[in-house]
Amino acid sequence: MVESFLRYISYEKRYSQHTLKSYQNDLNQFEHFAQEKFNISSLTEATQLMIRSWVLSLMDQGISSRSVNRKIASLKSFFKFLLKREVILKDPTQKIKSLKVKKELPGFANEQEFSEFLDRLVFENSLEGKTEQVILELLYGTGIRLSELIGLRISDFKPSESTIKVLGKRNKERIIPVSRSLNELLKNLITEKNHVFSHDQDSFLIVNKDGGQAYPMMIYRIVKKYLNQVPSLDKKSPHALRHTFATHLLNKGADLNAVKDLLGHSSLAATQVYTHNSLEKLKSVFDQAHPKA
């Protein structure tokens, strides 16, 4: 039945080969465990007790909660497949819950260090140099996502209003203000880009050396090249600049709802993770100001 399931997720669900391999490994691991400990001859005999026992054994081996949850998800998909095809009458994973995963706080750059880093950067006076500068300034200055940056078109930028229009998750549009300096950088980039490639208003704002749409790895390489100069940042990624944008705003007293709208979050819960980072700022203020600190 495992082979039938793998064919199903390969041809009907069109999962990647990497995902197929992960599912196969997870199912094989559970089958080996259940055969050794419970002497079953087929996965169709698996019970809730067997699965719980396997999960506990994985935790005893020190496997992370995130990895265990992925394995649980593999079993859930497999037994749901068997139930749908009436190979089994009851899904043994129905009451198996995922483990709680400790949320990692987003990494962000030290405010003073990052400000000094931006001030000392020098870029080539060319399309490539101007593109790299705009990428960094846009990610930090607006907090947009990597996919949103790549999808920006020249027509999304309104220089007279100092705004950009961003198409976010679930095709939700939002308008984000840009600073006066970033507004000038964007105008200069568009002028240079039109001079080199003669593109129209509907063309992409950020392009590669050939004038085509930018791609994730290109942005990652550019961002990492510069962020390697920022010691306080653990992760040198576009998303780290989004985290830095949000944290610096909150540290300066920005309203949480306003930051939520700027980031394009659908609920405050997603934005509130940044308040944990800002607690360090609050503690500092408390230590300096409170008489009993």
C-alpha atoms as a PDB file:
ATOM      1  CA  MET A   1       0.000   0.000   0.000  1.00  0.00           C
ATOM      2  CA  VAL A   2       2.947   2.317   0.557  1.00  0.00           C
ATOM      3  CA  GLU A   3       3.857   2.109  -3.135  1.00  0.00           C
ATOM      4  CA  SER A   4       0.273   2.920  -4.142  1.00  0.00           C
ATOM      5  CA  PHE A   5       0.276   5.906  -1.809  1.00  0.00           C
ATOM      6  CA  LEU A   6       3.592   7.175  -3.201  1.00  0.00           C
ATOM      7  CA  ARG A   7       2.283   6.862  -6.761  1.00  0.00           C
ATOM      8  CA  TYR A   8      -0.814   8.797  -5.714  1.00  0.00           C
ATOM      9  CA  ILE A   9       1.077  11.751  -4.218  1.00  0.00           C
ATOM     10  CA  SER A  10       3.511  11.694  -7.129  1.00  0.00           C
ATOM     11  CA  TYR A  11       1.089  11.613 -10.074  1.00  0.00           C
ATOM     12  CA  GLU A  12      -2.121  13.052  -8.647  1.00  0.00           C
ATOM     13  CA  LYS A  13      -0.779  15.440  -6.014  1.00  0.00           C
ATOM     14  CA  ARG A  14       2.389  16.163  -8.021  1.00  0.00           C
ATOM     15  CA  TYR A  15       4.646  16.297  -4.975  1.00  0.00           C
ATOM     16  CA  SER A  16       8.370  16.753  -5.560  1.00  0.00           C
ATOM     17  CA  GLN A  17      10.848  13.885  -5.511  1.00  0.00           C
ATOM     18  CA  HIS A  18      12.336  15.308  -2.319  1.00  0.00           C
ATOM     19  CA  THR A  19       8.920  15.204  -0.611  1.00  0.00           C
ATOM     20  CA  LEU A  20       8.285  11.678  -1.909  1.00  0.00           C
ATOM     21  CA  LYS A  21      11.567  10.520  -0.402  1.00  0.00           C
ATOM     22  CA  SER A  22      10.677  12.062   2.953  1.00  0.00           C
ATOM     23  CA  TYR A  23       7.258  10.357   3.010  1.00  0.00           C
ATOM     24  CA  GLN A  24       8.814   7.044   2.049  1.00  0.00           C
ATOM     25  CA  ASN A  25      11.468   7.279   4.771  1.00  0.00           C
ATOM     26  CA  ASP A  26       8.915   8.218   7.435  1.00  0.00           C
ATOM     27  CA  LEU A  27       6.587   5.351   6.531  1.00  0.00           C
ATOM     28  CA  ASN A  28       9.437   2.852   6.350  1.00  0.00           C
ATOM     29  CA  GLN A  29      10.712   3.976   9.766  1.00  0.00           C
ATOM     30  CA  PHE A  30       7.304   3.561  11.357  1.00  0.00           C
ATOM     31  CA  GLU A  31       6.728   0.203   9.676  1.00  0.00           C
ATOM     32  CA  HIS A  32      10.096  -1.098  10.915  1.00  0.00           C
ATOM     33  CA  PHE A  33       9.304   0.116  14.449  1.00  0.00           C
ATOM     34  CA  ALA A  34       5.806  -1.423  14.488  1.00  0.00           C
ATOM     35  CA  GLN A  35       7.052  -4.746  13.109  1.00  0.00           C
ATOM     36  CA  GLU A  36       9.816  -5.016  15.712  1.00  0.00           C
ATOM     37  CA  LYS A  37       7.815  -3.887  18.735  1.00  0.00           C
ATOM     38  CA  PHE A  38       4.275  -5.045  17.891  1.00  0.00           C
ATOM     39  CA  ASN A  39       4.953  -7.801  15.370  1.00  0.00           C
ATOM     40  CA  ILE A  40       2.521  -6.486  12.732  1.00  0.00           C
ATOM     41  CA  SER A  41       2.705  -7.783   9.168  1.00  0.00           C
ATOM     42  CA  SER A  42       1.192  -4.732   7.454  1.00  0.00           C
ATOM     43  CA  LEU A  43       0.713  -1.021   8.130  1.00  0.00           C
ATOM     44  CA  THR A  44      -3.031  -1.591   7.778  1.00  0.00           C
ATOM     45  CA  GLU A  45      -2.864  -3.223  11.238  1.00  0.00           C
ATOM     46  CA  ALA A  46      -1.419  -0.106  12.889  1.00  0.00           C
ATOM     47  CA  THR A  47      -3.251   1.323  15.893  1.00  0.00           C
ATOM     48  CA  GLN A  48      -3.273   4.601  17.753  1.00  0.00           C
ATOM     49  CA  LEU A  49      -1.246   2.992  20.567  1.00  0.00           C
ATOM     50  CA  MET A  50       1.500   1.948  18.136  1.00  0.00           C
ATOM     51  CA  ILE A  51       1.738   5.440  16.662  1.00  0.00           C
ATOM     52  CA  ARG A  52       1.863   7.083  20.091  1.00  0.00           C
ATOM     53  CA  SER A  53       4.586   4.645  21.112  1.00  0.00           C
ATOM     54  CA  TRP A  54       6.582   5.506  17.987  1.00  0.00           C
ATOM     55  CA  VAL A  55       6.244   9.242  18.631  1.00  0.00           C
ATOM     56  CA  LEU A  56       7.528   8.759  22.191  1.00  0.00           C
ATOM     57  CA  SER A  57      10.487   6.746  20.927  1.00  0.00           C
ATOM     58  CA  LEU A  58      11.360   9.515  18.475  1.00  0.00           C
ATOM     59  CA  MET A  59      11.263  12.073  21.294  1.00  0.00           C
ATOM     60  CA  ASP A  60      13.470   9.824  23.453  1.00  0.00           C
ATOM     61  CA  GLN A  61      16.018   9.813  20.607  1.00  0.00           C
ATOM     62  CA  GLY A  62      16.197  13.600  20.838  1.00  0.00           C
ATOM     63  CA  ILE A  63      14.555  14.234  17.458  1.00  0.00           C
ATOM     64  CA  SER A  64      13.206  17.791  17.273  1.00  0.00           C
ATOM     65  CA  SER A  65       9.483  18.481  17.659  1.00  0.00           C
ATOM     66  CA  ARG A  66       9.438  19.983  14.173  1.00  0.00           C
ATOM     67  CA  SER A  67      10.859  16.774  12.651  1.00  0.00           C
ATOM     68  CA  VAL A  68       8.504  14.566  14.668  1.00  0.00           C
ATOM     69  CA  ASN A  69       5.550  16.654  13.470  1.00  0.00           C
ATOM     70  CA  ARG A  70       6.625  16.140   9.875  1.00  0.00           C
ATOM     71  CA  LYS A  71       6.652  12.372  10.442  1.00  0.00           C
ATOM     72  CA  ILE A  72       3.212  12.515  12.072  1.00  0.00           C
ATOM     73  CA  ALA A  73       1.956  14.454   9.035  1.00  0.00           C
ATOM     74  CA  SER A  74       3.317  11.708   6.761  1.00  0.00           C
ATOM     75  CA  LEU A  75       1.379   9.050   8.673  1.00  0.00           C
ATOM     76  CA  LYS A  76      -1.787  11.160   8.691  1.00  0.00           C
ATOM     77  CA  SER A  77      -1.649  11.566   4.902  1.00  0.00           C
ATOM     78  CA  PHE A  78      -1.009   7.852   4.407  1.00  0.00           C
ATOM     79  CA  PHE A  79      -3.847   6.610   6.632  1.00  0.00           C
ATOM     80  CA  LYS A  80      -6.237   9.205   5.216  1.00  0.00           C
ATOM     81  CA  PHE A  81      -5.405   7.731   1.797  1.00  0.00           C
ATOM     82  CA  LEU A  82      -6.142   4.188   3.058  1.00  0.00           C
ATOM     83  CA  LEU A  83      -9.415   5.281   4.684  1.00  0.00           C
ATOM     84  CA  LYS A  84     -10.577   7.043   1.517  1.00  0.00           C
ATOM     85  CA  ARG A  85      -9.977   3.873  -0.475  1.00  0.00           C
ATOM     86  CA  GLU A  86     -11.715   1.759   2.221  1.00  0.00           C
ATOM     87  CA  VAL A  87      -8.589  -0.279   2.889  1.00  0.00           C
ATOM     88  CA  ILE A  88      -9.072   0.488   6.593  1.00  0.00           C
ATOM     89  CA  LEU A  89     -12.270   1.291   8.512  1.00  0.00           C
ATOM     90  CA  LYS A  90     -10.766   3.653  11.098  1.00  0.00           C
ATOM     91  CA  ASP A  91      -7.953   6.176  10.918  1.00  0.00           C
ATOM     92  CA  PRO A  92      -5.443   5.416  13.740  1.00  0.00           C
ATOM     93  CA  THR A  93      -3.969   8.935  13.495  1.00  0.00           C
ATOM     94  CA  GLN A  94      -7.290  10.694  14.105  1.00  0.00           C
ATOM     95  CA  LYS A  95      -6.498  11.555  17.730  1.00  0.00           C
ATOM     96  CA  ILE A  96      -2.748  11.963  17.286  1.00  0.00           C
ATOM     97  CA  LYS A  97      -1.854  15.611  17.837  1.00  0.00           C
ATOM     98  CA  SER A  98       1.233  17.440  16.681  1.00  0.00           C
ATOM     99  CA  LEU A  99       3.816  18.388  19.282  1.00  0.00           C
ATOM    100  CA  LYS A 100       4.158  21.956  20.452  1.00  0.00           C
ATOM    101  CA  VAL A 101       7.026  23.693  18.707  1.00  0.00           C
ATOM    102  CA  LYS A 102       8.901  26.415  20.526  1.00  0.00           C
ATOM    103  CA  LYS A 103       8.621  29.599  18.512  1.00  0.00           C
ATOM    104  CA  GLU A 104      11.927  31.130  17.560  1.00  0.00           C
ATOM    105  CA  LEU A 105      12.017  34.884  17.897  1.00  0.00           C
ATOM    106  CA  PRO A 106      12.827  36.633  14.622  1.00  0.00           C
ATOM    107  CA  GLY A 107      16.426  37.807  14.384  1.00  0.00           C
ATOM    108  CA  PHE A 108      17.051  41.501  13.810  1.00  0.00           C
ATOM    109  CA  ALA A 109      19.976  43.883  13.551  1.00  0.00           C
ATOM    110  CA  ASN A 110      21.060  46.260  16.283  1.00  0.00           C
ATOM    111  CA  GLU A 111      19.575  49.668  15.468  1.00  0.00           C
ATOM    112  CA  GLN A 112      22.698  51.823  15.834  1.00  0.00           C
ATOM    113  CA  GLU A 113      24.944  49.260  14.172  1.00  0.00           C
ATOM    114  CA  PHE A 114      22.565  48.904  11.232  1.00  0.00           C
ATOM    115  CA  SER A 115      22.215  52.649  10.780  1.00  0.00           C
ATOM    116  CA  GLU A 116      26.008  53.023  10.670  1.00  0.00           C
ATOM    117  CA  PHE A 117      26.222  50.094   8.253  1.00  0.00           C
ATOM    118  CA  LEU A 118      23.791  51.752   5.815  1.00  0.00           C
ATOM    119  CA  ASP A 119      25.607  55.106   6.068  1.00  0.00           C
ATOM    120  CA  ARG A 120      28.974  53.662   5.095  1.00  0.00           C
ATOM    121  CA  LEU A 121      27.771  51.565   2.144  1.00  0.00           C
ATOM    122  CA  VAL A 122      29.053  52.616  -1.275  1.00  0.00           C
ATOM    123  CA  PHE A 123      27.410  51.359  -4.483  1.00  0.00           C
ATOM    124  CA  GLU A 124      28.566  51.475  -8.085  1.00  0.00           C
ATOM    125  CA  ASN A 125      27.050  54.211 -10.241  1.00  0.00           C
ATOM    126  CA  SER A 126      25.539  51.669 -12.606  1.00  0.00           C
ATOM    127  CA  LEU A 127      22.265  49.790 -13.045  1.00  0.00           C
ATOM    128  CA  GLU A 128      23.672  46.884 -11.042  1.00  0.00           C
ATOM    129  CA  GLY A 129      24.847  49.114  -8.199  1.00  0.00           C
ATOM    130  CA  LYS A 130      21.615  51.087  -8.074  1.00  0.00           C
ATOM    131  CA  THR A 131      19.602  47.850  -8.138  1.00  0.00           C
ATOM    132  CA  GLU A 132      21.537  46.432  -5.183  1.00  0.00           C
ATOM    133  CA  GLN A 133      21.051  49.627  -3.179  1.00  0.00           C
ATOM    134  CA  VAL A 134      17.309  49.710  -3.867  1.00  0.00           C
ATOM    135  CA  ILE A 135      16.954  46.041  -2.896  1.00  0.00           C
ATOM    136  CA  LEU A 136      18.513  46.673   0.523  1.00  0.00           C
ATOM    137  CA  GLU A 137      16.719  49.969   1.101  1.00  0.00           C
ATOM    138  CA  LEU A 138      13.332  48.583   0.021  1.00  0.00           C
ATOM    139  CA  LEU A 139      13.537  45.473   2.192  1.00  0.00           C
ATOM    140  CA  TYR A 140      14.586  47.454   5.266  1.00  0.00           C
ATOM    141  CA  GLY A 141      12.624  50.620   4.482  1.00  0.00           C
ATOM    142  CA  THR A 142       9.260  48.954   3.811  1.00  0.00           C
ATOM    143  CA  GLY A 143       9.458  45.455   5.343  1.00  0.00           C
ATOM    144  CA  ILE A 144       8.120  43.811   2.193  1.00  0.00           C
ATOM    145  CA  ARG A 145       8.546  40.092   1.594  1.00  0.00           C
ATOM    146  CA  LEU A 146      10.994  38.626  -0.913  1.00  0.00           C
ATOM    147  CA  SER A 147       8.167  37.529  -3.227  1.00  0.00           C
ATOM    148  CA  GLU A 148       6.611  40.990  -3.024  1.00  0.00           C
ATOM    149  CA  LEU A 149       9.904  42.642  -3.937  1.00  0.00           C
ATOM    150  CA  ILE A 150      10.354  40.396  -6.965  1.00  0.00           C
ATOM    151  CA  GLY A 151       6.782  41.066  -8.111  1.00  0.00           C
ATOM    152  CA  LEU A 152       7.027  44.866  -7.968  1.00  0.00           C
ATOM    153  CA  ARG A 153       6.456  46.643 -11.276  1.00  0.00           C
ATOM    154  CA  ILE A 154       7.431  50.194 -12.224  1.00  0.00           C
ATOM    155  CA  SER A 155       3.740  51.121 -12.316  1.00  0.00           C
ATOM    156  CA  ASP A 156       3.436  50.122  -8.624  1.00  0.00           C
ATOM    157  CA  PHE A 157       5.652  53.040  -7.644  1.00  0.00           C
ATOM    158  CA  LYS A 158       3.987  56.444  -7.297  1.00  0.00           C
ATOM    159  CA  PRO A 159       6.783  59.024  -6.934  1.00  0.00           C
ATOM    160  CA  SER A 160       4.367  61.947  -6.512  1.00  0.00           C
ATOM    161  CA  GLU A 161       2.769  60.174  -3.538  1.00  0.00           C
ATOM    162  CA  SER A 162       5.967  58.492  -2.252  1.00  0.00           C
ATOM    163  CA  THR A 163       4.241  55.097  -2.126  1.00  0.00           C
ATOM    164  CA  ILE A 164       4.541  51.598  -3.550  1.00  0.00           C
ATOM    165  CA  LYS A 165       1.671  49.187  -4.166  1.00  0.00           C
ATOM    166  CA  VAL A 166       2.437  45.663  -3.046  1.00  0.00           C
ATOM    167  CA  LEU A 167       0.644  42.433  -3.944  1.00  0.00           C
ATOM    168  CA  GLY A 168       0.894  40.256  -0.844  1.00  0.00           C
ATOM    169  CA  LYS A 169      -0.334  36.853   0.263  1.00  0.00           C
ATOM    170  CA  ARG A 170      -3.757  35.751  -0.998  1.00  0.00           C
ATOM    171  CA  ASN A 171      -3.476  38.499  -3.644  1.00  0.00           C
ATOM    172  CA  LYS A 172      -4.125  41.249  -1.099  1.00  0.00           C
ATOM    173  CA  GLU A 173      -2.917  44.660  -2.182  1.00  0.00           C
ATOM    174  CA  ARG A 174      -1.537  47.234   0.230  1.00  0.00           C
ATOM    175  CA  ILE A 175      -0.047  50.690  -0.152  1.00  0.00           C
ATOM    176  CA  ILE A 176       3.223  51.356   1.692  1.00  0.00           C
ATOM    177  CA  PRO A 177       4.820  54.785   2.127  1.00  0.00           C
ATOM    178  CA  VAL A 178       8.492  55.203   1.233  1.00  0.00           C
ATOM    179  CA  SER A 179      10.920  57.729   2.680  1.00  0.00           C
ATOM    180  CA  ARG A 180      12.075  60.777   0.734  1.00  0.00           C
ATOM    181  CA  SER A 181      15.531  59.258   0.215  1.00  0.00           C
ATOM    182  CA  LEU A 182      14.105  55.927  -0.960  1.00  0.00           C
ATOM    183  CA  ASN A 183      11.742  57.775  -3.276  1.00  0.00           C
ATOM    184  CA  GLU A 184      14.762  59.400  -4.960  1.00  0.00           C
ATOM    185  CA  LEU A 185      16.622  56.082  -5.167  1.00  0.00           C
ATOM    186  CA  LEU A 186      13.628  54.459  -6.882  1.00  0.00           C
ATOM    187  CA  LYS A 187      13.339  57.302  -9.407  1.00  0.00           C
ATOM    188  CA  ASN A 188      17.067  57.076 -10.188  1.00  0.00           C
ATOM    189  CA  LEU A 189      16.862  53.295 -10.630  1.00  0.00           C
ATOM    190  CA  ILE A 190      13.915  53.543 -13.026  1.00  0.00           C
ATOM    191  CA  THR A 191      15.691  56.221 -15.095  1.00  0.00           C
ATOM    192  CA  GLU A 192      18.817  54.064 -15.332  1.00  0.00           C
ATOM    193  CA  LYS A 193      16.807  50.927 -16.079  1.00  0.00           C
ATOM    194  CA  ASN A 194      14.845  52.609 -18.871  1.00  0.00           C
ATOM    195  CA  HIS A 195      18.089  53.964 -20.325  1.00  0.00           C
ATOM    196  CA  VAL A 196      19.638  50.488 -20.433  1.00  0.00           C
ATOM    197  CA  PHE A 197      16.625  48.343 -21.363  1.00  0.00           C
ATOM    198  CA  SER A 198      13.942  50.776 -22.603  1.00  0.00           C
ATOM    199  CA  HIS A 199      11.200  48.977 -20.694  1.00  0.00           C
ATOM    200  CA  ASP A 200       7.633  50.210 -20.285  1.00  0.00           C
ATOM    201  CA  GLN A 201       5.762  51.106 -17.099  1.00  0.00           C
ATOM    202  CA  ASP A 202       4.460  47.568 -16.673  1.00  0.00           C
ATOM    203  CA  SER A 203       7.911  45.979 -16.574  1.00  0.00           C
ATOM    204  CA  PHE A 204       9.431  44.683 -13.336  1.00  0.00           C
ATOM    205  CA  LEU A 205      11.169  47.167 -11.076  1.00  0.00           C
ATOM    206  CA  ILE A 206      13.978  44.821 -10.023  1.00  0.00           C
ATOM    207  CA  VAL A 207      15.637  42.998 -12.913  1.00  0.00           C
ATOM    208  CA  ASN A 208      18.667  40.815 -13.502  1.00  0.00           C
ATOM    209  CA  LYS A 209      21.639  41.675 -15.713  1.00  0.00           C
ATOM    210  CA  ASP A 210      19.700  40.640 -18.826  1.00  0.00           C
ATOM    211  CA  GLY A 211      16.664  42.749 -17.977  1.00  0.00           C
ATOM    212  CA  GLY A 212      14.512  39.794 -16.929  1.00  0.00           C
ATOM    213  CA  GLN A 213      12.584  39.460 -13.691  1.00  0.00           C
ATOM    214  CA  ALA A 214      14.709  39.020 -10.574  1.00  0.00           C
ATOM    215  CA  TYR A 215      14.629  35.609  -8.872  1.00  0.00           C
ATOM    216  CA  PRO A 216      14.960  34.583  -5.194  1.00  0.00           C
ATOM    217  CA  MET A 217      18.558  33.316  -5.316  1.00  0.00           C
ATOM    218  CA  MET A 218      19.708  36.551  -6.951  1.00  0.00           C
ATOM    219  CA  ILE A 219      18.176  38.605  -4.107  1.00  0.00           C
ATOM    220  CA  TYR A 220      19.604  36.242  -1.472  1.00  0.00           C
ATOM    221  CA  ARG A 221      23.114  36.577  -2.908  1.00  0.00           C
ATOM    222  CA  ILE A 222      22.945  40.375  -2.987  1.00  0.00           C
ATOM    223  CA  VAL A 223      21.521  40.661   0.528  1.00  0.00           C
ATOM    224  CA  LYS A 224      24.021  38.206   2.014  1.00  0.00           C
ATOM    225  CA  LYS A 225      26.947  40.002   0.342  1.00  0.00           C
ATOM    226  CA  TYR A 226      26.133  43.173   2.258  1.00  0.00           C
ATOM    227  CA  LEU A 227      24.677  41.755   5.476  1.00  0.00           C
ATOM    228  CA  ASN A 228      27.898  39.839   6.124  1.00  0.00           C
ATOM    229  CA  GLN A 229      29.094  43.237   7.372  1.00  0.00           C
ATOM    230  CA  VAL A 230      26.457  43.254  10.159  1.00  0.00           C
ATOM    231  CA  PRO A 231      27.708  41.087  13.087  1.00  0.00           C
ATOM    232  CA  SER A 232      24.480  41.389  15.133  1.00  0.00           C
ATOM    233  CA  LEU A 233      22.475  39.585  12.432  1.00  0.00           C
ATOM    234  CA  ASP A 234      22.556  35.798  12.753  1.00  0.00           C
ATOM    235  CA  LYS A 235      20.699  35.167   9.509  1.00  0.00           C
ATOM    236  CA  LYS A 236      21.816  37.153   6.486  1.00  0.00           C
ATOM    237  CA  SER A 237      18.565  36.942   4.550  1.00  0.00           C
ATOM    238  CA  PRO A 238      15.872  39.183   3.027  1.00  0.00           C
ATOM    239  CA  HIS A 239      13.509  38.110   5.803  1.00  0.00           C
ATOM    240  CA  ALA A 240      15.992  39.327   8.419  1.00  0.00           C
ATOM    241  CA  LEU A 241      15.546  42.823   6.988  1.00  0.00           C
ATOM    242  CA  ARG A 242      11.762  42.474   7.329  1.00  0.00           C
ATOM    243  CA  HIS A 243      12.231  41.480  10.984  1.00  0.00           C
ATOM    244  CA  THR A 244      14.597  44.403  11.496  1.00  0.00           C
ATOM    245  CA  PHE A 245      12.123  46.831   9.918  1.00  0.00           C
ATOM    246  CA  ALA A 246       9.279  45.721  12.227  1.00  0.00           C
ATOM    247  CA  THR A 247      11.386  45.624  15.397  1.00  0.00           C
ATOM    248  CA  HIS A 248      12.933  49.050  14.841  1.00  0.00           C
ATOM    249  CA  LEU A 249       9.481  50.563  14.265  1.00  0.00           C
ATOM    250  CA  LEU A 250       8.107  49.064  17.479  1.00  0.00           C
ATOM    251  CA  ASN A 251      11.198  50.082  19.424  1.00  0.00           C
ATOM    252  CA  LYS A 252      10.515  53.662  18.313  1.00  0.00           C
ATOM    253  CA  GLY A 253       6.946  53.480  19.618  1.00  0.00           C
ATOM    254  CA  ALA A 254       5.039  52.615  16.431  1.00  0.00           C
ATOM    255  CA  ASP A 255       1.466  51.386  16.887  1.00  0.00           C
ATOM    256  CA  LEU A 256       1.196  47.606  16.626  1.00  0.00           C
ATOM    257  CA  ASN A 257      -1.829  47.817  14.321  1.00  0.00           C
ATOM    258  CA  ALA A 258       0.055  50.149  11.985  1.00  0.00           C
ATOM    259  CA  VAL A 259       3.009  47.744  11.826  1.00  0.00           C
ATOM    260  CA  LYS A 260       0.561  44.907  11.146  1.00  0.00           C
ATOM    261  CA  ASP A 261      -0.850  46.788   8.149  1.00  0.00           C
ATOM    262  CA  LEU A 262       2.611  47.688   6.834  1.00  0.00           C
ATOM    263  CA  LEU A 263       3.723  44.054   7.004  1.00  0.00           C
ATOM    264  CA  GLY A 264       0.539  42.787   5.395  1.00  0.00           C
ATOM    265  CA  HIS A 265      -0.354  40.461   8.263  1.00  0.00           C
ATOM    266  CA  SER A 266      -3.941  39.223   8.351  1.00  0.00           C
ATOM    267  CA  SER A 267      -4.080  39.257  12.163  1.00  0.00           C
ATOM    268  CA  LEU A 268      -2.287  40.842  15.095  1.00  0.00           C
ATOM    269  CA  ALA A 269      -1.107  37.438  16.297  1.00  0.00           C
ATOM    270  CA  ALA A 270       1.505  37.285  13.537  1.00  0.00           C
ATOM    271  CA  THR A 271       2.768  40.780  14.356  1.00  0.00           C
ATOM    272  CA  GLN A 272       2.896  40.298  18.113  1.00  0.00           C
ATOM    273  CA  VAL A 273       5.986  38.107  17.863  1.00  0.00           C
ATOM    274  CA  TYR A 274       7.950  41.324  17.334  1.00  0.00           C
ATOM    275  CA  THR A 275       6.791  42.701  20.678  1.00  0.00           C
ATOM    276  CA  HIS A 276       8.975  40.047  22.357  1.00  0.00           C
ATOM    277  CA  ASN A 277      11.998  41.589  20.716  1.00  0.00           C
ATOM    278  CA  SER A 278      10.854  45.039  21.788  1.00  0.00           C
ATOM    279  CA  LEU A 279      10.659  43.846  25.398  1.00  0.00           C
ATOM    280  CA  GLU A 280      14.423  44.249  25.560  1.00  0.00           C
ATOM    281  CA  LYS A 281      13.910  47.934  24.823  1.00  0.00           C
ATOM    282  CA  LEU A 282      11.213  48.158  27.502  1.00  0.00           C
ATOM    283  CA  LYS A 283      13.459  46.452  30.043  1.00  0.00           C
ATOM    284  CA  SER A 284      16.209  48.936  29.272  1.00  0.00           C
ATOM    285  CA  VAL A 285      13.823  51.863  29.827  1.00  0.00           C
ATOM    286  CA  PHE A 286      12.580  50.260  33.058  1.00  0.00           C
ATOM    287  CA  ASP A 287      16.104  49.718  34.385  1.00  0.00           C
ATOM    288  CA  GLN A 288      17.018  53.330  33.677  1.00  0.00           C
ATOM    289  CA  ALA A 289      13.840  54.987  34.928  1.00  0.00           C
ATOM    290  CA  HIS A 290      12.234  52.964  37.714  1.00  0.00           C
ATOM    291  CA  PRO A 291      13.448  53.823  41.238  1.00  0.00           C
ATOM    292  CA  LYS A 292      13.232  50.187  42.340  1.00  0.00           C
ATOM    293  CA  ALA A 293      14.992  48.786  39.250  1.00  0.00           C
END
